[in-house]
Amino acid sequence: MGNRRRIVLDVVLWVFALFLAWVFARQGIAKFSDHSGWARAFRSWHFPVWFRVCVGVAETAAALLLLARRTAFAGAAIIVAVMLGAMATHVWWGQPGQVTSEILPLLLATAVAIGRRRSFILPRRRGARP
């Protein structure tokens, strides 16, 4: 792959990762509040409070993991798992129209996971490409 193409791909992956980190840090932290819209939504889906908090921890951790090249794959994989669970919840509760809100984060996180898979916390060989 040419150097210019590699740079463009890297910039695109960083833009996706930073956008996802911003969204999931905010939404993850919001899930810790017992008075948030998320608390009401999780109650309506009959999920226990501990599950809402676990999702908040997962989303917040994913946001932080996205901020480093070597851990971005893990953060993106967490987001993919959370989005698939969210989509399943909406379908299960008869709200398939709500699934559309998970499609963009799912696609962006998938792109980051694929793009950063080779950087994922592997020991570096001397002279290896990043």
Protein backbone atom coordinates (compact mmCIF):
# COMPACT_ATOMS: atom_id res chain seq x y z
CA MET A 1 0.00 0.00 0.00
CA GLY A 2 1.33 3.43 -0.91
CA ASN A 3 2.44 5.80 1.81
CA ARG A 4 -0.21 8.42 0.93
CA ARG A 5 -2.98 5.82 0.98
CA ARG A 6 -1.76 4.50 4.34
CA ILE A 7 -1.83 8.03 5.79
CA VAL A 8 -5.36 8.68 4.49
CA LEU A 9 -6.57 5.36 5.91
CA ASP A 10 -4.95 6.16 9.26
CA VAL A 11 -6.62 9.60 9.37
CA VAL A 12 -10.01 8.10 8.51
CA LEU A 13 -9.63 5.47 11.25
CA TRP A 14 -8.70 8.18 13.76
CA VAL A 15 -11.73 10.28 12.78
CA PHE A 16 -14.02 7.25 13.20
CA ALA A 17 -12.39 6.28 16.51
CA LEU A 18 -12.56 9.81 17.94
CA PHE A 19 -16.20 10.20 16.93
CA LEU A 20 -17.07 6.85 18.53
CA ALA A 21 -15.08 7.72 21.67
CA TRP A 22 -16.95 11.01 22.01
CA VAL A 23 -20.37 9.38 21.54
CA PHE A 24 -19.75 6.37 23.77
CA ALA A 25 -18.05 8.28 26.57
CA ARG A 26 -21.12 10.54 26.81
CA GLN A 27 -23.67 7.74 26.49
CA GLY A 28 -21.76 5.39 28.76
CA ILE A 29 -21.52 7.96 31.55
CA ALA A 30 -25.22 8.80 31.14
CA LYS A 31 -26.09 5.18 31.93
CA PHE A 32 -24.76 5.59 35.50
CA SER A 33 -27.59 7.97 36.44
CA ASP A 34 -30.73 6.49 37.99
CA HIS A 35 -32.70 9.48 36.66
CA SER A 36 -31.62 9.41 33.03
CA GLY A 37 -33.62 8.47 30.00
CA TRP A 38 -31.43 5.39 29.87
CA ALA A 39 -32.64 4.32 33.32
CA ARG A 40 -36.24 4.58 32.12
CA ALA A 41 -35.45 2.71 28.88
CA PHE A 42 -33.66 -0.15 30.66
CA ARG A 43 -36.59 -0.44 33.11
CA SER A 44 -39.05 -0.59 30.21
CA TRP A 45 -36.97 -3.40 28.69
CA HIS A 46 -37.04 -5.19 32.07
CA PHE A 47 -33.27 -5.13 32.46
CA PRO A 48 -31.88 -4.91 36.00
CA VAL A 49 -30.00 -1.83 37.18
CA TRP A 50 -26.71 -3.75 37.34
CA PHE A 51 -27.00 -4.52 33.63
CA ARG A 52 -27.48 -0.84 32.74
CA VAL A 53 -24.40 0.00 34.81
CA CYS A 54 -22.40 -2.80 33.11
CA VAL A 55 -23.35 -1.45 29.70
CA GLY A 56 -22.27 2.01 30.88
CA VAL A 57 -18.92 0.61 32.04
CA ALA A 58 -18.46 -1.25 28.74
CA GLU A 59 -19.26 1.84 26.67
CA THR A 60 -17.02 4.11 28.75
CA ALA A 61 -14.17 1.59 28.64
CA ALA A 62 -14.62 1.18 24.89
CA ALA A 63 -14.40 4.97 24.46
CA LEU A 64 -11.10 5.05 26.36
CA LEU A 65 -9.69 2.04 24.49
CA LEU A 66 -10.41 3.76 21.17
CA LEU A 67 -7.99 6.56 22.06
CA ALA A 68 -4.87 4.43 21.55
CA ARG A 69 -3.92 2.64 18.35
CA ARG A 70 -2.84 -0.51 20.21
CA THR A 71 -6.15 -0.89 22.07
CA ALA A 72 -8.59 0.55 19.50
CA PHE A 73 -9.43 -2.93 18.19
CA ALA A 74 -10.68 -3.97 21.65
CA GLY A 75 -12.71 -0.77 22.06
CA ALA A 76 -14.28 -1.20 18.64
CA ALA A 77 -15.08 -4.87 19.34
CA ILE A 78 -16.85 -3.88 22.57
CA ILE A 79 -18.93 -1.32 20.67
CA VAL A 80 -19.84 -3.92 18.04
CA ALA A 81 -21.03 -6.28 20.79
CA VAL A 82 -23.02 -3.54 22.55
CA MET A 83 -24.63 -2.39 19.29
CA LEU A 84 -25.64 -5.94 18.36
CA GLY A 85 -27.18 -6.33 21.82
CA ALA A 86 -29.00 -3.02 21.46
CA MET A 87 -30.33 -4.03 18.05
CA ALA A 88 -31.54 -7.35 19.43
CA THR A 89 -33.25 -5.55 22.32
CA HIS A 90 -35.13 -3.24 19.96
CA VAL A 91 -36.25 -6.13 17.77
CA TRP A 92 -37.27 -8.23 20.80
CA TRP A 93 -39.41 -5.42 22.22
CA GLY A 94 -41.12 -4.71 18.89
CA GLN A 95 -39.19 -1.54 18.07
CA PRO A 96 -37.37 -2.52 14.87
CA GLY A 97 -37.45 1.08 13.65
CA GLN A 98 -35.07 1.99 16.51
CA VAL A 99 -32.40 -0.32 15.06
CA THR A 100 -31.38 2.42 12.65
CA SER A 101 -29.72 4.38 15.47
CA GLU A 102 -27.25 1.54 16.00
CA ILE A 103 -26.26 1.03 12.35
CA LEU A 104 -23.78 3.93 12.03
CA PRO A 105 -21.86 3.13 15.25
CA LEU A 106 -21.85 -0.55 14.28
CA LEU A 107 -20.40 0.21 10.83
CA LEU A 108 -17.82 2.69 12.14
CA ALA A 109 -16.72 0.35 14.94
CA THR A 110 -16.43 -2.52 12.47
CA ALA A 111 -14.22 -0.36 10.24
CA VAL A 112 -12.01 0.59 13.20
CA ALA A 113 -11.77 -3.03 14.35
CA ILE A 114 -10.74 -4.20 10.90
CA GLY A 115 -8.35 -1.29 10.40
CA ARG A 116 -6.65 -1.65 13.79
CA ARG A 117 -6.61 -5.44 14.12
CA ARG A 118 -2.89 -5.69 13.31
CA SER A 119 -1.95 -3.04 15.85
CA PHE A 120 -3.74 -4.78 18.72
CA ILE A 121 -1.27 -5.17 21.59
CA LEU A 122 1.11 -7.45 19.75
CA PRO A 123 4.81 -7.36 20.51
CA ARG A 124 6.66 -5.42 17.84
CA ARG A 125 9.39 -7.05 15.80
CA ARG A 126 12.32 -4.83 15.08
CA GLY A 127 11.69 -3.09 11.74
CA ALA A 128 8.00 -4.18 11.54
CA ARG A 129 5.42 -1.80 10.04
CA PRO A 130 2.95 -0.18 12.48
